[in-house]
Protein backbone atom coordinates (compact mmCIF):
# COMPACT_ATOMS: atom_id res chain seq x y z
CA MET A 1 -28.18 -7.42 -6.62
CA THR A 2 -28.10 -10.89 -5.12
CA SER A 3 -27.08 -11.70 -1.58
CA SER A 4 -24.06 -13.61 -2.87
CA ASP A 5 -21.98 -12.16 -5.65
CA ARG A 6 -18.40 -11.61 -6.68
CA TYR A 7 -17.78 -8.79 -4.18
CA ASP A 8 -18.85 -10.65 -1.03
CA TYR A 9 -15.41 -11.98 -0.02
CA CYS A 10 -11.71 -11.36 -0.55
CA GLY A 11 -8.70 -13.08 0.93
CA LEU A 12 -5.71 -10.74 1.12
CA TYR A 13 -2.29 -12.20 1.90
CA LEU A 14 0.55 -10.16 3.38
CA ARG A 15 4.24 -10.81 3.88
CA GLY A 16 6.76 -8.60 5.65
CA ALA A 17 4.72 -7.35 8.60
CA SER A 18 3.70 -8.77 11.96
CA GLN A 19 0.02 -9.28 12.70
CA GLU A 20 -0.08 -6.15 14.86
CA ALA A 21 1.71 -4.08 12.21
CA ALA A 22 -0.71 -5.40 9.57
CA ILE A 23 -3.68 -4.39 11.72
CA GLU A 24 -2.31 -0.89 12.29
CA LEU A 25 -1.37 -0.39 8.64
CA THR A 26 -4.82 -1.52 7.49
CA ALA A 27 -6.67 0.61 10.06
CA ARG A 28 -4.75 3.71 8.93
CA ALA A 29 -5.20 2.90 5.23
CA ILE A 30 -8.97 2.70 5.39
CA GLY A 31 -9.88 4.70 8.50
CA ALA A 32 -11.33 1.61 10.16
CA ILE A 33 -12.69 1.09 13.63
CA ARG A 34 -10.68 -1.60 15.44
CA ASP A 35 -12.01 -4.35 17.68
CA GLY A 36 -9.03 -6.59 18.43
CA ARG A 37 -7.99 -8.18 15.15
CA LEU A 38 -11.27 -7.20 13.51
CA LEU A 39 -11.59 -3.93 11.61
CA ARG A 40 -14.78 -2.33 10.36
CA VAL A 41 -15.36 0.38 7.81
CA GLY A 42 -19.06 0.84 7.18
CA THR A 43 -20.46 -2.68 6.86
CA ILE A 44 -17.18 -4.11 5.55
CA GLU A 45 -15.41 -6.35 8.09
CA ILE A 46 -11.75 -7.29 7.89
CA GLU A 47 -10.31 -9.99 10.12
CA ILE A 48 -6.52 -9.98 10.22
CA ARG A 49 -4.92 -13.14 11.55
CA ARG A 50 -1.91 -15.41 11.28
CA ASN A 51 -2.31 -17.66 8.25
CA ASP A 52 -2.88 -21.30 9.21
CA ASN A 53 -1.27 -22.33 5.90
CA CYS A 54 1.92 -20.35 6.47
CA THR A 55 5.15 -22.10 5.50
CA HIS A 56 8.73 -21.12 6.27
CA ASP A 57 9.69 -20.52 2.65
CA GLY A 58 6.51 -18.54 1.89
CA ALA A 59 7.16 -18.87 -1.83
CA ASP A 60 3.48 -18.81 -2.83
CA PHE A 61 1.25 -16.04 -1.52
CA PRO A 62 -1.36 -18.42 -0.02
CA THR A 63 1.40 -19.49 2.39
CA TRP A 64 2.38 -15.97 3.50
CA PRO A 65 2.19 -15.27 7.25
CA ILE A 66 -0.78 -12.87 7.38
CA LYS A 67 -4.24 -13.46 5.94
CA MET A 68 -6.98 -10.86 5.85
CA GLU A 69 -10.53 -12.05 5.36
CA ILE A 70 -12.56 -9.20 3.92
CA GLU A 71 -16.34 -9.53 3.98
CA ARG A 72 -18.59 -7.06 2.24
CA GLY A 73 -21.60 -6.83 4.50
CA ASN A 74 -24.06 -4.79 2.44
CA ALA A 75 -21.54 -2.23 1.17
CA PRO A 76 -21.78 -1.26 -2.50
CA SER A 77 -19.26 -2.92 -4.80
CA HIS A 78 -17.37 0.34 -5.48
CA GLN A 79 -16.73 0.72 -1.72
CA VAL A 80 -15.41 -2.83 -1.48
CA ILE A 81 -13.06 -2.24 -4.42
CA GLU A 82 -11.89 1.07 -2.95
CA THR A 83 -11.26 -0.50 0.47
CA VAL A 84 -9.25 -3.45 -0.85
CA SER A 85 -7.34 -1.14 -3.22
CA LYS A 86 -6.32 1.13 -0.33
CA ILE A 87 -5.08 -1.82 1.72
CA LEU A 88 -3.01 -3.13 -1.19
CA THR A 89 -1.45 0.20 -2.11
CA HIS A 90 -0.66 1.12 1.51
CA ALA A 91 0.99 -2.28 2.05
CA TRP A 92 3.09 -1.89 -1.12
CA GLN A 93 4.06 1.67 -0.20
CA ALA A 94 5.19 0.40 3.22
CA GLY A 95 7.45 -2.14 1.48
CA HIS A 96 5.33 -5.22 2.20
CA ASP A 97 4.24 -7.90 -0.24
CA ALA A 98 0.45 -8.12 -0.64
CA VAL A 99 -1.86 -10.08 -2.93
CA ALA A 100 -5.66 -10.10 -3.02
CA ALA A 101 -7.37 -13.33 -4.05
CA CYS A 102 -10.96 -12.64 -5.07
CA ASP A 103 -13.39 -12.64 -7.98
CA TYR A 104 -12.72 -8.97 -8.73
CA GLU A 105 -8.91 -8.94 -8.93
CA ASP A 106 -9.14 -7.39 -12.39
CA GLU A 107 -10.70 -4.26 -10.82
CA LEU A 108 -7.89 -3.81 -8.27
CA PRO A 109 -4.52 -2.09 -8.70
CA ASP A 110 -2.03 -4.36 -10.48
CA HIS A 111 -4.74 -7.03 -10.76
CA GLY A 112 -4.68 -7.58 -6.99
CA GLY A 113 -0.90 -7.80 -6.90
CA TYR A 114 -0.63 -11.30 -8.34
CA PRO A 115 1.53 -10.27 -11.35
CA ARG A 116 4.12 -8.83 -8.94
CA TYR A 117 4.95 -12.23 -7.45
CA ARG A 118 4.51 -14.89 -10.09
CA ASP A 119 7.59 -16.45 -11.63
């Protein structure tokens, strides 16, 4: 395994929840330890913040209000996939829109959610 591979980073975009609600939903979904807007599960770190590229229409997921930056640490790839999958499915079950943008979308439920929102 190299220090930089396809599982090192994921950007997850969320629409339909406030930042605080997104943090709480994510913490419950993955059993994470919370430190402000930063969550940790094992060596995986998830920063949940307002998206700097947010637009009012929010038509494209990169412009949705919440962005999660998920960094692997030294977690095994299966744990990264499981963690991101849980966040996506919990967000969808709560009625929120969520899309993961990463190099392993094809290993996530509904290909990271992208097919749900394309025209």
